[in-house]
């Protein structure tokens, strides 16, 4: 069992920055791949970023094309927390942001645990 709690959302002007946090309890997040997703009103939930272990005890990261170069996902295993640094925010980034914990399966990543979400609003 893993519990995830997001924080750090808020209101920011276009071009500004926010740093989202996702604190995990239960199993340590090092056992899981961690992902960030978002959902805007009237739109489907979309993938934003993912971080997982790779060879050499390094992190593998992946990003949606819409956020590449602007968002950075990271994790602090000592704090059992994953972060999403969001820079150069655009109004289109406005959404509820969710973190999730999952595993890499043969067909792809499967996320079994989800946080409650945190609202990010970017004004023009």
Protein backbone atom coordinates (compact mmCIF):
# COMPACT_ATOMS: atom_id res chain seq x y z
CA UNK A 1 0.00 0.00 0.00
CA UNK A 2 1.26 3.43 -1.00
CA UNK A 3 -0.31 6.77 -0.18
CA UNK A 4 0.60 9.81 -2.25
CA UNK A 5 -0.09 13.45 -1.39
CA UNK A 6 0.60 16.25 -3.85
CA UNK A 7 1.30 19.82 -2.85
CA UNK A 8 2.75 23.00 -4.29
CA UNK A 9 0.05 23.95 -6.74
CA UNK A 10 -1.29 27.44 -6.98
CA UNK A 11 -1.83 30.47 -9.16
CA UNK A 12 1.03 31.84 -11.21
CA UNK A 13 1.39 34.19 -14.15
CA UNK A 14 2.52 32.98 -17.54
CA UNK A 15 6.28 32.64 -17.62
CA UNK A 16 6.47 31.88 -13.93
CA UNK A 17 7.47 28.74 -12.07
CA UNK A 18 6.04 26.28 -9.62
CA UNK A 19 7.48 23.24 -7.91
CA UNK A 20 5.11 20.41 -7.16
CA UNK A 21 5.85 17.82 -4.50
CA UNK A 22 4.48 14.34 -4.06
CA UNK A 23 5.10 12.80 -0.66
CA UNK A 24 4.77 9.05 -0.36
CA UNK A 25 4.02 6.94 2.68
CA UNK A 26 4.01 3.20 2.99
CA UNK A 27 6.51 1.55 0.69
CA UNK A 28 9.50 3.66 -0.25
CA UNK A 29 9.19 5.29 -3.64
CA UNK A 30 12.47 3.74 -4.73
CA UNK A 31 10.47 0.59 -5.35
CA UNK A 32 8.36 2.32 -7.99
CA UNK A 33 8.47 4.34 -11.11
CA UNK A 34 6.89 7.71 -10.44
CA UNK A 35 4.83 9.68 -12.89
CA UNK A 36 3.10 13.02 -13.13
CA UNK A 37 -0.15 13.44 -15.00
CA UNK A 38 -2.54 16.32 -15.47
CA UNK A 39 -6.14 16.86 -16.40
CA UNK A 40 -7.68 20.10 -17.55
CA UNK A 41 -11.43 20.76 -17.55
CA UNK A 42 -13.08 19.06 -20.49
CA UNK A 43 -9.92 17.21 -21.46
CA UNK A 44 -8.58 13.72 -20.93
CA UNK A 45 -5.91 12.99 -18.39
CA UNK A 46 -2.51 13.23 -20.03
CA UNK A 47 0.96 12.03 -19.22
CA UNK A 48 3.43 14.72 -18.18
CA UNK A 49 6.62 13.12 -16.87
CA UNK A 50 8.04 9.91 -15.46
CA UNK A 51 11.14 8.92 -13.52
CA UNK A 52 12.49 5.41 -13.00
CA UNK A 53 15.72 3.60 -12.26
CA UNK A 54 18.17 2.84 -15.03
CA UNK A 55 21.47 1.00 -15.32
CA UNK A 56 24.32 2.34 -13.23
CA UNK A 57 21.99 3.48 -10.45
CA UNK A 58 20.93 6.48 -12.48
CA UNK A 59 17.49 7.84 -13.21
CA UNK A 60 15.63 7.43 -16.44
CA UNK A 61 13.20 10.24 -17.24
CA UNK A 62 10.63 10.80 -19.90
CA UNK A 63 8.50 13.83 -20.73
CA UNK A 64 5.54 14.72 -22.83
CA UNK A 65 6.55 16.76 -25.85
CA UNK A 66 4.46 19.66 -24.62
CA UNK A 67 6.60 20.11 -21.50
CA UNK A 68 10.08 19.09 -22.68
CA UNK A 69 12.63 21.74 -21.84
CA UNK A 70 10.29 23.41 -19.36
CA UNK A 71 9.47 20.75 -16.74
CA UNK A 72 11.89 18.63 -14.74
CA UNK A 73 10.99 15.57 -12.70
CA UNK A 74 13.22 14.50 -9.83
CA UNK A 75 13.07 12.39 -6.72
CA UNK A 76 14.56 12.42 -3.25
CA UNK A 77 14.48 8.89 -1.92
CA UNK A 78 15.65 9.98 1.54
CA UNK A 79 12.52 12.13 1.81
CA UNK A 80 10.36 9.64 -0.08
CA UNK A 81 9.28 12.48 -2.32
CA UNK A 82 9.09 13.15 -6.03
CA UNK A 83 9.09 16.65 -7.51
CA UNK A 84 7.99 18.37 -10.66
CA UNK A 85 9.76 21.63 -11.34
CA UNK A 86 7.70 23.65 -13.80
CA UNK A 87 9.28 26.64 -15.50
CA UNK A 88 8.12 28.94 -18.26
CA UNK A 89 4.54 28.09 -17.45
CA UNK A 90 1.85 28.69 -20.03
CA UNK A 91 -1.91 29.08 -19.64
CA UNK A 92 -2.27 25.71 -21.38
CA UNK A 93 -0.50 24.14 -18.40
CA UNK A 94 -3.53 24.91 -16.24
CA UNK A 95 -4.81 21.61 -14.87
CA UNK A 96 -5.08 19.41 -11.85
CA UNK A 97 -1.76 17.63 -11.49
CA UNK A 98 -1.58 14.10 -10.13
CA UNK A 99 1.38 12.00 -9.11
CA UNK A 100 1.30 8.24 -9.43
CA UNK A 101 3.41 5.25 -8.47
CA UNK A 102 3.69 2.23 -10.70
CA UNK A 103 5.77 -0.47 -12.28
CA UNK A 104 7.13 -1.14 -15.73
CA UNK A 105 5.29 -4.07 -17.21
CA UNK A 106 5.80 -5.76 -20.54
CA UNK A 107 3.14 -3.61 -22.17
CA UNK A 108 4.36 -0.42 -20.55
CA UNK A 109 4.01 1.42 -17.29
CA UNK A 110 1.10 0.60 -15.03
CA UNK A 111 0.28 3.06 -12.25
CA UNK A 112 -1.37 1.50 -9.23
CA UNK A 113 -1.36 4.38 -6.74
CA UNK A 114 -2.54 7.94 -7.26
CA UNK A 115 -2.56 11.12 -5.25
CA UNK A 116 -5.53 13.42 -4.78
CA UNK A 117 -4.22 16.06 -7.15
CA UNK A 118 -3.14 19.67 -6.81
CA UNK A 119 -4.50 22.56 -8.85
CA UNK A 120 -2.17 24.58 -11.05
CA UNK A 121 -3.57 27.71 -12.63
CA UNK A 122 -1.52 29.81 -15.03
CA UNK A 123 -2.90 33.22 -15.88
CA UNK A 124 -2.09 35.26 -18.95
